[in-house]
Protein backbone atom coordinates (compact mmCIF):
# COMPACT_ATOMS: atom_id res chain seq x y z
CA UNK A 1 25.05 19.80 8.88
CA UNK A 2 23.80 19.94 12.49
CA UNK A 3 20.02 20.23 12.67
CA UNK A 4 18.17 21.63 15.68
CA UNK A 5 14.55 21.75 16.71
CA UNK A 6 14.02 25.16 18.25
CA UNK A 7 11.67 28.07 18.84
CA UNK A 8 11.36 30.93 16.38
CA UNK A 9 9.98 34.06 18.02
CA UNK A 10 7.14 36.06 16.54
CA UNK A 11 4.68 38.53 18.05
CA UNK A 12 5.14 42.05 19.28
CA UNK A 13 7.12 43.35 22.21
CA UNK A 14 6.13 41.62 25.49
CA UNK A 15 3.59 39.48 23.57
CA UNK A 16 5.64 36.46 22.42
CA UNK A 17 4.38 33.76 20.09
CA UNK A 18 6.65 31.01 18.85
CA UNK A 19 6.88 28.66 15.90
CA UNK A 20 8.52 25.31 16.59
CA UNK A 21 10.88 24.79 13.66
CA UNK A 22 13.61 22.48 12.43
CA UNK A 23 16.59 24.57 11.35
CA UNK A 24 20.29 24.41 10.66
CA UNK A 25 22.16 25.13 13.89
CA UNK A 26 24.14 27.89 12.15
CA UNK A 27 21.03 29.80 11.02
CA UNK A 28 19.90 32.80 13.08
CA UNK A 29 17.06 32.37 15.58
CA UNK A 30 14.36 33.98 13.43
CA UNK A 31 16.03 33.21 10.12
CA UNK A 32 15.92 30.43 7.59
CA UNK A 33 14.42 27.12 8.66
CA UNK A 34 13.89 23.71 7.08
CA UNK A 35 10.39 22.86 8.31
CA UNK A 36 7.76 24.29 10.67
CA UNK A 37 6.35 21.56 12.91
CA UNK A 38 4.16 23.50 15.36
CA UNK A 39 3.33 26.58 17.41
CA UNK A 40 3.66 27.56 21.07
CA UNK A 41 1.78 30.38 22.80
CA UNK A 42 3.01 30.91 26.38
CA UNK A 43 0.53 33.73 27.13
CA UNK A 44 -2.51 31.49 27.53
CA UNK A 45 -3.11 29.52 30.72
CA UNK A 46 -2.25 26.71 30.27
CA UNK A 47 0.12 27.44 27.39
CA UNK A 48 -1.26 26.52 23.97
CA UNK A 49 0.87 24.03 22.05
CA UNK A 50 0.04 22.72 18.60
CA UNK A 51 2.50 20.15 17.31
CA UNK A 52 2.64 17.75 14.38
CA UNK A 53 3.65 14.63 16.33
CA UNK A 54 4.62 12.60 13.24
CA UNK A 55 6.92 15.28 11.79
CA UNK A 56 8.59 15.81 15.17
CA UNK A 57 9.13 12.07 15.57
CA UNK A 58 10.60 11.79 12.05
CA UNK A 59 13.06 14.59 12.74
CA UNK A 60 14.08 13.04 16.05
CA UNK A 61 14.76 9.74 14.26
CA UNK A 62 16.82 11.62 11.65
CA UNK A 63 19.00 13.03 14.45
CA UNK A 64 17.64 16.55 14.99
CA UNK A 65 18.66 17.82 18.40
CA UNK A 66 15.92 19.72 20.34
CA UNK A 67 16.79 22.73 22.48
CA UNK A 68 15.93 22.57 26.18
CA UNK A 69 12.58 24.33 25.80
CA UNK A 70 11.56 22.31 22.76
CA UNK A 71 12.58 19.13 24.58
CA UNK A 72 10.17 20.04 27.40
CA UNK A 73 7.41 20.72 24.86
CA UNK A 74 8.04 17.40 23.10
CA UNK A 75 8.00 15.62 26.44
CA UNK A 76 4.75 17.34 27.42
CA UNK A 77 3.11 16.32 24.14
CA UNK A 78 4.37 12.73 24.44
CA UNK A 79 6.70 12.68 21.43
CA UNK A 80 9.71 11.61 23.49
CA UNK A 81 7.66 8.88 25.21
CA UNK A 82 6.51 7.63 21.80
CA UNK A 83 10.13 7.60 20.60
CA UNK A 84 11.04 5.60 23.71
CA UNK A 85 8.27 3.07 23.03
CA UNK A 86 9.24 2.70 19.38
CA UNK A 87 12.83 2.03 20.44
CA UNK A 88 11.48 -0.82 22.61
CA UNK A 89 9.68 -2.18 19.54
CA UNK A 90 12.90 -1.98 17.53
CA UNK A 91 14.78 -3.89 20.26
CA UNK A 92 12.06 -6.55 20.30
CA UNK A 93 10.84 -5.93 23.85
CA UNK A 94 7.20 -5.75 22.68
CA UNK A 95 5.25 -5.35 19.45
CA UNK A 96 4.01 -2.12 17.88
CA UNK A 97 0.37 -2.60 18.87
CA UNK A 98 1.33 -2.94 22.54
CA UNK A 99 3.39 0.25 22.22
CA UNK A 100 0.46 2.13 20.70
CA UNK A 101 -1.89 0.85 23.43
CA UNK A 102 0.54 2.11 26.09
CA UNK A 103 0.82 5.47 24.35
CA UNK A 104 -2.98 5.84 23.98
CA UNK A 105 -3.45 5.07 27.69
CA UNK A 106 -0.83 7.66 28.64
CA UNK A 107 -2.34 10.20 26.24
CA UNK A 108 -5.85 9.82 27.68
CA UNK A 109 -4.58 10.23 31.26
CA UNK A 110 -2.54 13.24 30.19
CA UNK A 111 -5.55 14.93 28.54
CA UNK A 112 -7.65 14.40 31.69
CA UNK A 113 -4.91 16.02 33.80
CA UNK A 114 -4.68 19.00 31.44
CA UNK A 115 -8.44 19.49 31.52
CA UNK A 116 -8.49 19.26 35.33
CA UNK A 117 -5.69 21.83 35.68
CA UNK A 118 -7.43 24.18 33.24
CA UNK A 119 -10.70 23.98 35.20
CA UNK A 120 -8.87 24.59 38.49
CA UNK A 121 -7.24 27.66 36.99
CA UNK A 122 -10.63 28.99 35.81
CA UNK A 123 -12.07 28.44 39.30
CA UNK A 124 -9.23 30.32 40.98
CA UNK A 125 -9.56 33.17 38.49
CA UNK A 126 -13.29 33.45 39.24
CA UNK A 127 -12.69 33.39 42.99
CA UNK A 128 -10.17 36.24 42.73
CA UNK A 129 -12.69 38.52 41.05
CA UNK A 130 -14.86 40.58 43.37
CA UNK A 131 -18.46 39.39 43.55
CA UNK A 132 -19.85 42.86 42.84
CA UNK A 133 -18.19 45.81 41.19
CA UNK A 134 -16.65 48.20 43.67
CA UNK A 135 -18.40 51.56 43.80
CA UNK A 136 -18.03 54.27 46.36
CA UNK A 137 -21.24 55.74 47.73
CA UNK A 138 -21.40 59.43 48.26
CA UNK A 139 -23.54 60.44 51.23
CA UNK A 140 -25.68 63.52 50.75
CA UNK A 141 -25.55 66.02 53.57
CA UNK A 142 -28.13 68.71 54.26
CA UNK A 143 -25.51 71.18 55.43
CA UNK A 144 -24.53 73.81 52.91
CA UNK A 145 -20.93 74.95 52.72
CA UNK A 146 -20.20 78.32 54.32
């Protein structure tokens, strides 16, 4: 049985919201799934991603194949980097504590970058708004219509 990690669409028309699920490759997109491992909301800026890192890592070790979009999400959240580090531990390149230290360092830098990008986005949104609401003034004239 081929297992895939993929997105399952929810939400109304033009308002998508996705569950990140592990499902049989033969199952329909929004159909039966094995396990839900997270959510993805592309409408927020930046996109909101909630992911159970341990479950995702377990499924990757079991051989679940992520789709392209889910692969990008896993990479963004650091799951693929953690899998890479754990493979180095398995090969004996370094010990597990060194791998976790590397991952924690990467994670902290990543969180700082996300926060910085979010603040930049808020600043640009505020600068696009007009300073005062636009209102048209109507001048009163003393002349009466004929």
